[in-house]
Amino acid sequence: MEKAGSMDYKVIGTIMTDVDQGTEWLDAAIALTARMDAHLDIYVVSVSHTETHSYYLGAEAVMIADRTKDAIEKRDQLETWLEKRMAGEDIRWTQHAAVVPSPAMTGFLARNLRFSDLVVLPRPYQDNPETTKLVEACLFSAERPVLMIPKGCHAPDMGGHVLVGWNDGAEALAAARAALPLLQQADVADICIIDPPEHAAERSDPGGAMAQYLMRHGTRPEVAVLAKTEPQIGELLMRRARELGAQLIVSGAYGHSRLREAVFGGVTRNLLEIADRPILMAR
C-alpha cells in the first residue's frame, strides 16, 4: 500500500558514454522510472577529446575533423544500441544525442541535467575514467542528486533498510531530502551518526530532529550513534550498511571548486571508491 503523502521522482536522467563496462546503471534507471511512473531522459553523449594546442601548423584542422568524425560514429553506434535495448520497455523515455568536446562537458550537463529530479549513473572509480567527471558535473554544476550503481548491483528495491549518513550538515540534509522517495518506500531509514562533537547543537539528542523530519514524511527512522573506530568515515558507513543489510546508502557530497572543476572531498571519495551497493549523494 502506498504511504500517505508519499513522493516520487517524475523526471529521471541518465548519461550514456559507453556500454562496454556494463549497463547496470541504465537497468536501474529504467526500473525506477517504471516504479515511479516517471519520464526517463537518456543523454547519449560522445566525448571529443581533441586538444588544439599541440599540433604543427595546419594539422589542427585535420585532427579536429578526424576526432569529430570518430565521435559522431560512436554517438551513432550508441544510439543504435540504445534503441534496441529500449525496444519493448513500457516506460516514457526520450533520447538526447550529442557530440560534446571534453572541455565543454560540464557546461553541457549543467544545462541539461538540472531539469532532472534524480540522475542515475555508474559508481565512479570503476572501469570508465569519464564517470567521475560525469558525477562531479551532475552534483556540483547541475546541482542534482545522483544515484550511483556499482557493477553487479541493481536499483534499490522497495522495503528493507536504507542507511542515511548524518552529521547535522547542509549536504547531509540535502541528500536526505533528495532521497525521500526511496526512503518512503523502505521499511526502515537508519540514521547513522559517527562520533558527534560534544558541543554540537543537537548534542542532547543526536539525530532527533532528522528522525522527526523523516517520520513526518512517512518513513520509519531509527538512530544509531557510532564511535569512530576506523580512520575513514566511509569505511564505518560501509561496515554499518553491511551489518544492517542496507540496500542503499544516502550521504552528502563533499567537495570544493578548483579552477571550475569539482574535486571530491576525502569522505566522499573514500565512500565512492569502496561502495558495494547503490549510493545516493547530493549537496
C-alpha atoms as a PDB file:
ATOM      1  CA  MET A   1       0.000   0.000   0.000  1.00  0.00           C
ATOM      2  CA  GLU A   2       1.309   3.457  -0.864  1.00  0.00           C
ATOM      3  CA  LYS A   3       2.109   5.555   2.168  1.00  0.00           C
ATOM      4  CA  ALA A   4       0.176   8.725   2.768  1.00  0.00           C
ATOM      5  CA  GLY A   5       1.941  11.789   1.435  1.00  0.00           C
ATOM      6  CA  SER A   6       4.473   9.724  -0.493  1.00  0.00           C
ATOM      7  CA  MET A   7       6.652  11.360  -3.123  1.00  0.00           C
ATOM      8  CA  ASP A   8       8.050  10.192  -6.428  1.00  0.00           C
ATOM      9  CA  TYR A   9      10.741  11.210  -8.850  1.00  0.00           C
ATOM     10  CA  LYS A  10       8.968  12.360 -12.001  1.00  0.00           C
ATOM     11  CA  VAL A  11      11.975  13.145 -14.210  1.00  0.00           C
ATOM     12  CA  ILE A  12      14.924  10.774 -14.072  1.00  0.00           C
ATOM     13  CA  GLY A  13      18.052  11.382 -16.114  1.00  0.00           C
ATOM     14  CA  THR A  14      20.992   9.223 -17.089  1.00  0.00           C
ATOM     15  CA  ILE A  15      24.048   9.599 -19.306  1.00  0.00           C
ATOM     16  CA  MET A  16      25.469   7.047 -21.711  1.00  0.00           C
ATOM     17  CA  THR A  17      29.034   7.479 -22.966  1.00  0.00           C
ATOM     18  CA  ASP A  18      29.914   3.798 -23.254  1.00  0.00           C
ATOM     19  CA  VAL A  19      28.313   0.397 -22.773  1.00  0.00           C
ATOM     20  CA  ASP A  20      31.428  -1.786 -22.767  1.00  0.00           C
ATOM     21  CA  GLN A  21      31.716  -1.895 -18.955  1.00  0.00           C
ATOM     22  CA  GLY A  22      28.140  -2.984 -18.218  1.00  0.00           C
ATOM     23  CA  THR A  23      24.783  -1.251 -18.081  1.00  0.00           C
ATOM     24  CA  GLU A  24      23.606  -1.801 -14.513  1.00  0.00           C
ATOM     25  CA  TRP A  25      23.007   1.930 -14.117  1.00  0.00           C
ATOM     26  CA  LEU A  26      20.708   2.017 -17.158  1.00  0.00           C
ATOM     27  CA  ASP A  27      18.772  -1.015 -15.914  1.00  0.00           C
ATOM     28  CA  ALA A  28      18.376   0.721 -12.538  1.00  0.00           C
ATOM     29  CA  ALA A  29      17.174   3.948 -14.169  1.00  0.00           C
ATOM     30  CA  ILE A  30      14.592   2.017 -16.192  1.00  0.00           C
ATOM     31  CA  ALA A  31      13.388   0.127 -13.106  1.00  0.00           C
ATOM     32  CA  LEU A  32      12.954   3.299 -11.056  1.00  0.00           C
ATOM     33  CA  THR A  33      11.230   5.070 -13.935  1.00  0.00           C
ATOM     34  CA  ALA A  34       8.701   2.243 -14.198  1.00  0.00           C
ATOM     35  CA  ARG A  35       8.128   2.057 -10.438  1.00  0.00           C
ATOM     36  CA  MET A  36       7.575   5.797 -10.030  1.00  0.00           C
ATOM     37  CA  ASP A  37       5.701   6.343 -13.296  1.00  0.00           C
ATOM     38  CA  ALA A  38       8.348   8.859 -14.274  1.00  0.00           C
ATOM     39  CA  HIS A  39       9.898  10.070 -17.540  1.00  0.00           C
ATOM     40  CA  LEU A  40      13.427   8.927 -18.357  1.00  0.00           C
ATOM     41  CA  ASP A  41      15.787  11.274 -20.214  1.00  0.00           C
ATOM     42  CA  ILE A  42      18.763   9.368 -21.649  1.00  0.00           C
ATOM     43  CA  TYR A  43      21.658  11.561 -22.784  1.00  0.00           C
ATOM     44  CA  VAL A  44      23.734   9.705 -25.356  1.00  0.00           C
ATOM     45  CA  VAL A  45      26.982  11.663 -25.278  1.00  0.00           C
ATOM     46  CA  SER A  46      30.078  11.008 -27.333  1.00  0.00           C
ATOM     47  CA  VAL A  47      33.066  12.921 -25.985  1.00  0.00           C
ATOM     48  CA  SER A  48      35.518  14.514 -28.407  1.00  0.00           C
ATOM     49  CA  HIS A  49      38.975  14.635 -26.816  1.00  0.00           C
ATOM     50  CA  THR A  50      40.678  16.850 -29.395  1.00  0.00           C
ATOM     51  CA  GLU A  51      43.368  19.127 -27.979  1.00  0.00           C
ATOM     52  CA  THR A  52      44.026  22.159 -30.180  1.00  0.00           C
ATOM     53  CA  HIS A  53      47.403  23.361 -28.939  1.00  0.00           C
ATOM     54  CA  SER A  54      49.849  20.528 -29.541  1.00  0.00           C
ATOM     55  CA  TYR A  55      50.000  20.096 -33.334  1.00  0.00           C
ATOM     56  CA  TYR A  56      52.117  21.683 -36.044  1.00  0.00           C
ATOM     57  CA  LEU A  57      50.642  24.414 -38.230  1.00  0.00           C
ATOM     58  CA  GLY A  58      47.870  23.049 -40.443  1.00  0.00           C
ATOM     59  CA  ALA A  59      47.449  19.811 -38.528  1.00  0.00           C
ATOM     60  CA  GLU A  60      44.850  21.080 -36.060  1.00  0.00           C
ATOM     61  CA  ALA A  61      42.009  21.225 -38.585  1.00  0.00           C
ATOM     62  CA  VAL A  62      42.770  17.687 -39.778  1.00  0.00           C
ATOM     63  CA  MET A  63      42.953  16.306 -36.236  1.00  0.00           C
ATOM     64  CA  ILE A  64      39.763  18.050 -35.170  1.00  0.00           C
ATOM     65  CA  ALA A  65      37.905  16.739 -38.208  1.00  0.00           C
ATOM     66  CA  ASP A  66      39.140  13.176 -37.620  1.00  0.00           C
ATOM     67  CA  ARG A  67      38.329  13.218 -33.920  1.00  0.00           C
ATOM     68  CA  THR A  68      34.905  14.727 -34.574  1.00  0.00           C
ATOM     69  CA  LYS A  69      34.182  12.059 -37.183  1.00  0.00           C
ATOM     70  CA  ASP A  70      35.137   9.330 -34.702  1.00  0.00           C
ATOM     71  CA  ALA A  71      32.929  10.916 -32.024  1.00  0.00           C
ATOM     72  CA  ILE A  72      29.959  11.105 -34.401  1.00  0.00           C
ATOM     73  CA  GLU A  73      30.383   7.453 -35.352  1.00  0.00           C
ATOM     74  CA  LYS A  74      30.480   6.446 -31.690  1.00  0.00           C
ATOM     75  CA  ARG A  75      27.371   8.516 -30.952  1.00  0.00           C
ATOM     76  CA  ASP A  76      25.533   6.818 -33.815  1.00  0.00           C
ATOM     77  CA  GLN A  77      26.597   3.381 -32.533  1.00  0.00           C
ATOM     78  CA  LEU A  78      25.362   4.209 -29.031  1.00  0.00           C
ATOM     79  CA  GLU A  79      22.035   5.461 -30.415  1.00  0.00           C
ATOM     80  CA  THR A  80      21.539   2.228 -32.359  1.00  0.00           C
ATOM     81  CA  TRP A  81      22.408   0.120 -29.318  1.00  0.00           C
ATOM     82  CA  LEU A  82      20.035   2.108 -27.101  1.00  0.00           C
ATOM     83  CA  GLU A  83      17.103   1.821 -29.493  1.00  0.00           C
ATOM     84  CA  LYS A  84      17.499  -1.967 -29.464  1.00  0.00           C
ATOM     85  CA  ARG A  85      17.866  -2.042 -25.680  1.00  0.00           C
ATOM     86  CA  MET A  86      14.752   0.053 -25.090  1.00  0.00           C
ATOM     87  CA  ALA A  87      12.559  -1.848 -27.533  1.00  0.00           C
ATOM     88  CA  GLY A  88       9.634  -3.263 -25.582  1.00  0.00           C
ATOM     89  CA  GLU A  89      10.217  -1.188 -22.428  1.00  0.00           C
ATOM     90  CA  ASP A  90       6.867   0.101 -21.200  1.00  0.00           C
ATOM     91  CA  ILE A  91       8.051   3.476 -19.905  1.00  0.00           C
ATOM     92  CA  ARG A  92       8.105   7.051 -21.146  1.00  0.00           C
ATOM     93  CA  TRP A  93      11.592   7.937 -22.311  1.00  0.00           C
ATOM     94  CA  THR A  94      13.441  10.363 -24.570  1.00  0.00           C
ATOM     95  CA  GLN A  95      16.838  10.019 -26.184  1.00  0.00           C
ATOM     96  CA  HIS A  96      19.067  13.103 -26.423  1.00  0.00           C
ATOM     97  CA  ALA A  97      22.169  12.555 -28.566  1.00  0.00           C
ATOM     98  CA  ALA A  98      25.151  14.889 -28.731  1.00  0.00           C
ATOM     99  CA  VAL A  99      28.856  15.116 -29.541  1.00  0.00           C
ATOM    100  CA  VAL A 100      30.488  17.258 -26.864  1.00  0.00           C
ATOM    101  CA  PRO A 101      34.117  18.474 -26.692  1.00  0.00           C
ATOM    102  CA  SER A 102      35.691  17.330 -23.449  1.00  0.00           C
ATOM    103  CA  PRO A 103      36.197  20.866 -22.024  1.00  0.00           C
ATOM    104  CA  ALA A 104      32.506  21.653 -22.638  1.00  0.00           C
ATOM    105  CA  MET A 105      31.122  18.542 -20.917  1.00  0.00           C
ATOM    106  CA  THR A 106      30.497  20.122 -17.522  1.00  0.00           C
ATOM    107  CA  GLY A 107      28.559  23.013 -19.044  1.00  0.00           C
ATOM    108  CA  PHE A 108      26.527  20.674 -21.255  1.00  0.00           C
ATOM    109  CA  LEU A 109      25.494  18.512 -18.317  1.00  0.00           C
ATOM    110  CA  ALA A 110      24.787  21.504 -16.085  1.00  0.00           C
ATOM    111  CA  ARG A 111      22.386  22.950 -18.672  1.00  0.00           C
ATOM    112  CA  ASN A 112      20.536  19.721 -19.376  1.00  0.00           C
ATOM    113  CA  LEU A 113      20.577  17.570 -16.219  1.00  0.00           C
ATOM    114  CA  ARG A 114      19.390  20.420 -13.960  1.00  0.00           C
ATOM    115  CA  PHE A 115      15.839  19.560 -15.027  1.00  0.00           C
ATOM    116  CA  SER A 116      16.071  16.028 -13.577  1.00  0.00           C
ATOM    117  CA  ASP A 117      14.720  15.086 -10.160  1.00  0.00           C
ATOM    118  CA  LEU A 118      17.351  12.343  -9.967  1.00  0.00           C
ATOM    119  CA  VAL A 119      20.339  11.330 -12.093  1.00  0.00           C
ATOM    120  CA  VAL A 120      21.326   7.653 -12.227  1.00  0.00           C
ATOM    121  CA  LEU A 121      24.945   6.840 -13.143  1.00  0.00           C
ATOM    122  CA  PRO A 122      27.544   4.118 -12.662  1.00  0.00           C
ATOM    123  CA  ARG A 123      29.597   4.332  -9.480  1.00  0.00           C
ATOM    124  CA  PRO A 124      32.866   6.194 -10.142  1.00  0.00           C
ATOM    125  CA  TYR A 125      36.332   4.666  -9.760  1.00  0.00           C
ATOM    126  CA  GLN A 126      35.486   1.501 -11.652  1.00  0.00           C
ATOM    127  CA  ASP A 127      36.313   0.937 -15.338  1.00  0.00           C
ATOM    128  CA  ASN A 128      35.329   4.150 -17.104  1.00  0.00           C
ATOM    129  CA  PRO A 129      37.504   7.137 -16.073  1.00  0.00           C
ATOM    130  CA  GLU A 130      34.942   9.581 -17.514  1.00  0.00           C
ATOM    131  CA  THR A 131      32.318   8.546 -14.954  1.00  0.00           C
ATOM    132  CA  THR A 132      33.917  10.574 -12.168  1.00  0.00           C
ATOM    133  CA  LYS A 133      33.671  13.752 -14.240  1.00  0.00           C
ATOM    134  CA  LEU A 134      30.043  13.000 -15.076  1.00  0.00           C
ATOM    135  CA  VAL A 135      29.150  12.510 -11.408  1.00  0.00           C
ATOM    136  CA  GLU A 136      31.025  15.658 -10.373  1.00  0.00           C
ATOM    137  CA  ALA A 137      29.274  17.723 -13.048  1.00  0.00           C
ATOM    138  CA  CYS A 138      25.822  16.495 -12.004  1.00  0.00           C
ATOM    139  CA  LEU A 139      26.431  17.011  -8.281  1.00  0.00           C
ATOM    140  CA  PHE A 140      28.354  20.283  -8.267  1.00  0.00           C
ATOM    141  CA  SER A 141      27.345  22.061 -11.502  1.00  0.00           C
ATOM    142  CA  ALA A 142      23.843  20.792 -12.289  1.00  0.00           C
ATOM    143  CA  GLU A 143      23.263  20.517  -8.513  1.00  0.00           C
ATOM    144  CA  ARG A 144      21.226  17.341  -8.861  1.00  0.00           C
ATOM    145  CA  PRO A 145      21.137  14.278  -6.586  1.00  0.00           C
ATOM    146  CA  VAL A 146      22.926  11.318  -8.139  1.00  0.00           C
ATOM    147  CA  LEU A 147      22.173   7.646  -7.533  1.00  0.00           C
ATOM    148  CA  MET A 148      25.302   5.624  -8.328  1.00  0.00           C
ATOM    149  CA  ILE A 149      25.094   1.924  -9.131  1.00  0.00           C
ATOM    150  CA  PRO A 150      28.174  -0.301  -8.622  1.00  0.00           C
ATOM    151  CA  LYS A 151      28.866  -3.111 -11.049  1.00  0.00           C
ATOM    152  CA  GLY A 152      26.768  -6.173 -10.269  1.00  0.00           C
ATOM    153  CA  CYS A 153      24.101  -4.166  -8.400  1.00  0.00           C
ATOM    154  CA  HIS A 154      20.553  -3.124  -9.281  1.00  0.00           C
ATOM    155  CA  ALA A 155      18.133  -0.381  -8.274  1.00  0.00           C
ATOM    156  CA  PRO A 156      17.147  -0.342  -4.591  1.00  0.00           C
ATOM    157  CA  ASP A 157      14.060  -2.474  -4.059  1.00  0.00           C
ATOM    158  CA  MET A 158      11.009  -1.421  -2.096  1.00  0.00           C
ATOM    159  CA  GLY A 159      11.219  -2.343   1.570  1.00  0.00           C
ATOM    160  CA  GLY A 160      14.343  -3.168   3.529  1.00  0.00           C
ATOM    161  CA  HIS A 161      16.809  -0.796   5.142  1.00  0.00           C
ATOM    162  CA  VAL A 162      18.328   2.426   3.833  1.00  0.00           C
ATOM    163  CA  LEU A 163      21.354   3.857   5.645  1.00  0.00           C
ATOM    164  CA  VAL A 164      21.405   7.659   6.000  1.00  0.00           C
ATOM    165  CA  GLY A 165      24.745   9.176   6.956  1.00  0.00           C
ATOM    166  CA  TRP A 166      24.034  12.175   9.201  1.00  0.00           C
ATOM    167  CA  ASN A 167      26.339  14.879  10.593  1.00  0.00           C
ATOM    168  CA  ASP A 168      23.880  17.780  11.010  1.00  0.00           C
ATOM    169  CA  GLY A 169      25.351  19.443   7.906  1.00  0.00           C
ATOM    170  CA  ALA A 170      23.701  21.084   4.915  1.00  0.00           C
ATOM    171  CA  GLU A 171      24.985  18.450   2.490  1.00  0.00           C
ATOM    172  CA  ALA A 172      23.639  15.573   4.589  1.00  0.00           C
ATOM    173  CA  LEU A 173      20.252  17.289   4.854  1.00  0.00           C
ATOM    174  CA  ALA A 174      20.162  17.882   1.085  1.00  0.00           C
ATOM    175  CA  ALA A 175      20.897  14.188   0.474  1.00  0.00           C
ATOM    176  CA  ALA A 176      18.182  13.037   2.883  1.00  0.00           C
ATOM    177  CA  ARG A 177      15.634  15.330   1.245  1.00  0.00           C
ATOM    178  CA  ALA A 178      16.637  14.141  -2.207  1.00  0.00           C
ATOM    179  CA  ALA A 179      16.284  10.517  -1.105  1.00  0.00           C
ATOM    180  CA  LEU A 180      12.774  10.894   0.349  1.00  0.00           C
ATOM    181  CA  PRO A 181      11.007   8.986  -2.471  1.00  0.00           C
ATOM    182  CA  LEU A 182      13.282   5.995  -1.808  1.00  0.00           C
ATOM    183  CA  LEU A 183      13.207   6.395   1.980  1.00  0.00           C
ATOM    184  CA  GLN A 184       9.404   6.358   1.920  1.00  0.00           C
ATOM    185  CA  GLN A 185       9.488   3.041   0.070  1.00  0.00           C
ATOM    186  CA  ALA A 186      11.906   1.494   2.598  1.00  0.00           C
ATOM    187  CA  ASP A 187      10.898  -0.335   5.765  1.00  0.00           C
ATOM    188  CA  VAL A 188      13.470   1.484   7.910  1.00  0.00           C
ATOM    189  CA  ALA A 189      15.538   4.661   7.447  1.00  0.00           C
ATOM    190  CA  ASP A 190      18.646   4.023   9.560  1.00  0.00           C
ATOM    191  CA  ILE A 191      20.176   7.354  10.594  1.00  0.00           C
ATOM    192  CA  CYS A 192      23.869   6.768  11.267  1.00  0.00           C
ATOM    193  CA  ILE A 193      25.846   9.347  13.250  1.00  0.00           C
ATOM    194  CA  ILE A 194      29.581   8.850  13.729  1.00  0.00           C
ATOM    195  CA  ASP A 195      31.380  10.412  16.691  1.00  0.00           C
ATOM    196  CA  PRO A 196      29.197  13.548  17.115  1.00  0.00           C
ATOM    197  CA  PRO A 197      31.018  16.539  18.663  1.00  0.00           C
ATOM    198  CA  GLU A 198      30.410  17.039  22.373  1.00  0.00           C
ATOM    199  CA  HIS A 199      29.363  20.644  21.835  1.00  0.00           C
ATOM    200  CA  ALA A 200      27.210  20.102  18.741  1.00  0.00           C
ATOM    201  CA  ALA A 201      23.861  21.898  18.503  1.00  0.00           C
ATOM    202  CA  GLU A 202      21.964  18.609  18.848  1.00  0.00           C
ATOM    203  CA  ARG A 203      24.301  17.017  21.426  1.00  0.00           C
ATOM    204  CA  SER A 204      21.414  16.218  23.803  1.00  0.00           C
ATOM    205  CA  ASP A 205      19.520  14.302  21.124  1.00  0.00           C
ATOM    206  CA  PRO A 206      21.785  13.385  18.186  1.00  0.00           C
ATOM    207  CA  GLY A 207      19.734  12.805  15.065  1.00  0.00           C
ATOM    208  CA  GLY A 208      16.466  13.572  16.827  1.00  0.00           C
ATOM    209  CA  ALA A 209      15.413  16.438  14.574  1.00  0.00           C
ATOM    210  CA  MET A 210      16.274  14.447  11.445  1.00  0.00           C
ATOM    211  CA  ALA A 211      14.345  11.426  12.740  1.00  0.00           C
ATOM    212  CA  GLN A 212      11.304  13.608  13.376  1.00  0.00           C
ATOM    213  CA  TYR A 213      11.594  15.141   9.895  1.00  0.00           C
ATOM    214  CA  LEU A 214      11.763  11.751   8.205  1.00  0.00           C
ATOM    215  CA  MET A 215       8.928  10.373  10.337  1.00  0.00           C
ATOM    216  CA  ARG A 216       6.683  13.260   9.304  1.00  0.00           C
ATOM    217  CA  HIS A 217       7.419  12.319   5.710  1.00  0.00           C
ATOM    218  CA  GLY A 218       6.083   8.831   6.235  1.00  0.00           C
ATOM    219  CA  THR A 219       9.284   6.927   6.954  1.00  0.00           C
ATOM    220  CA  ARG A 220      10.230   4.775   9.924  1.00  0.00           C
ATOM    221  CA  PRO A 221      13.515   6.212  11.215  1.00  0.00           C
ATOM    222  CA  GLU A 222      15.952   4.651  13.670  1.00  0.00           C
ATOM    223  CA  VAL A 223      19.044   6.389  15.041  1.00  0.00           C
ATOM    224  CA  ALA A 224      22.447   4.821  15.750  1.00  0.00           C
ATOM    225  CA  VAL A 225      25.395   6.759  17.183  1.00  0.00           C
ATOM    226  CA  LEU A 226      28.733   5.065  16.483  1.00  0.00           C
ATOM    227  CA  ALA A 227      32.245   5.666  17.724  1.00  0.00           C
ATOM    228  CA  LYS A 228      34.888   6.477  15.129  1.00  0.00           C
ATOM    229  CA  THR A 229      36.821   3.218  15.276  1.00  0.00           C
ATOM    230  CA  GLU A 230      38.200   3.492  11.726  1.00  0.00           C
ATOM    231  CA  PRO A 231      40.300   6.296  10.233  1.00  0.00           C
ATOM    232  CA  GLN A 232      37.876   6.673   7.304  1.00  0.00           C
ATOM    233  CA  ILE A 233      34.219   7.516   7.906  1.00  0.00           C
ATOM    234  CA  GLY A 234      33.367   5.844   4.607  1.00  0.00           C
ATOM    235  CA  GLU A 235      34.677   2.535   5.970  1.00  0.00           C
ATOM    236  CA  LEU A 236      32.434   2.874   9.033  1.00  0.00           C
ATOM    237  CA  LEU A 237      29.364   3.646   6.953  1.00  0.00           C
ATOM    238  CA  MET A 238      30.045   0.653   4.710  1.00  0.00           C
ATOM    239  CA  ARG A 239      30.515  -1.657   7.695  1.00  0.00           C
ATOM    240  CA  ARG A 240      27.251  -0.426   9.216  1.00  0.00           C
ATOM    241  CA  ALA A 241      25.446  -0.884   5.880  1.00  0.00           C
ATOM    242  CA  ARG A 242      26.671  -4.487   5.671  1.00  0.00           C
ATOM    243  CA  GLU A 243      25.614  -5.200   9.265  1.00  0.00           C
ATOM    244  CA  LEU A 244      22.105  -3.911   8.567  1.00  0.00           C
ATOM    245  CA  GLY A 245      21.860  -5.414   5.112  1.00  0.00           C
ATOM    246  CA  ALA A 246      21.048  -1.912   3.866  1.00  0.00           C
ATOM    247  CA  GLN A 247      20.354  -1.856   0.150  1.00  0.00           C
ATOM    248  CA  LEU A 248      21.146   1.856  -0.241  1.00  0.00           C
ATOM    249  CA  ILE A 249      23.450   4.427   1.364  1.00  0.00           C
ATOM    250  CA  VAL A 250      22.451   8.102   1.442  1.00  0.00           C
ATOM    251  CA  SER A 251      25.227  10.631   2.013  1.00  0.00           C
ATOM    252  CA  GLY A 252      26.027  14.277   1.485  1.00  0.00           C
ATOM    253  CA  ALA A 253      28.562  15.025  -1.248  1.00  0.00           C
ATOM    254  CA  TYR A 254      31.543  16.985  -0.027  1.00  0.00           C
ATOM    255  CA  GLY A 255      33.991  18.782  -2.283  1.00  0.00           C
ATOM    256  CA  HIS A 256      35.191  22.157  -3.448  1.00  0.00           C
ATOM    257  CA  SER A 257      35.694  24.047  -6.686  1.00  0.00           C
ATOM    258  CA  ARG A 258      39.181  24.339  -8.140  1.00  0.00           C
ATOM    259  CA  LEU A 259      39.511  26.144 -11.474  1.00  0.00           C
ATOM    260  CA  ARG A 260      35.855  25.343 -12.226  1.00  0.00           C
ATOM    261  CA  GLU A 261      36.456  21.636 -11.720  1.00  0.00           C
ATOM    262  CA  ALA A 262      34.792  19.955  -8.767  1.00  0.00           C
ATOM    263  CA  VAL A 263      37.074  17.860  -6.587  1.00  0.00           C
ATOM    264  CA  PHE A 264      35.581  15.313  -4.197  1.00  0.00           C
ATOM    265  CA  GLY A 265      36.445  15.699  -0.543  1.00  0.00           C
ATOM    266  CA  GLY A 266      38.054  12.840   1.368  1.00  0.00           C
ATOM    267  CA  VAL A 267      34.895  11.339   2.903  1.00  0.00           C
ATOM    268  CA  THR A 268      33.015  11.392  -0.391  1.00  0.00           C
ATOM    269  CA  ARG A 269      35.883   9.955  -2.425  1.00  0.00           C
ATOM    270  CA  ASN A 270      36.540   7.173   0.075  1.00  0.00           C
ATOM    271  CA  LEU A 271      32.891   6.138   0.139  1.00  0.00           C
ATOM    272  CA  LEU A 272      32.629   6.172  -3.648  1.00  0.00           C
ATOM    273  CA  GLU A 273      35.773   4.080  -4.022  1.00  0.00           C
ATOM    274  CA  ILE A 274      34.563   1.270  -1.757  1.00  0.00           C
ATOM    275  CA  ALA A 275      30.745   1.252  -2.040  1.00  0.00           C
ATOM    276  CA  ASP A 276      29.472  -2.225  -2.912  1.00  0.00           C
ATOM    277  CA  ARG A 277      25.805  -1.177  -3.046  1.00  0.00           C
ATOM    278  CA  PRO A 278      23.908   1.792  -4.531  1.00  0.00           C
ATOM    279  CA  ILE A 279      24.724   5.147  -3.035  1.00  0.00           C
ATOM    280  CA  LEU A 280      22.741   8.374  -3.368  1.00  0.00           C
ATOM    281  CA  MET A 281      24.556  11.656  -2.921  1.00  0.00           C
ATOM    282  CA  ALA A 282      23.533  15.317  -3.062  1.00  0.00           C
ATOM    283  CA  ARG A 283      24.794  18.662  -1.876  1.00  0.00           C
END
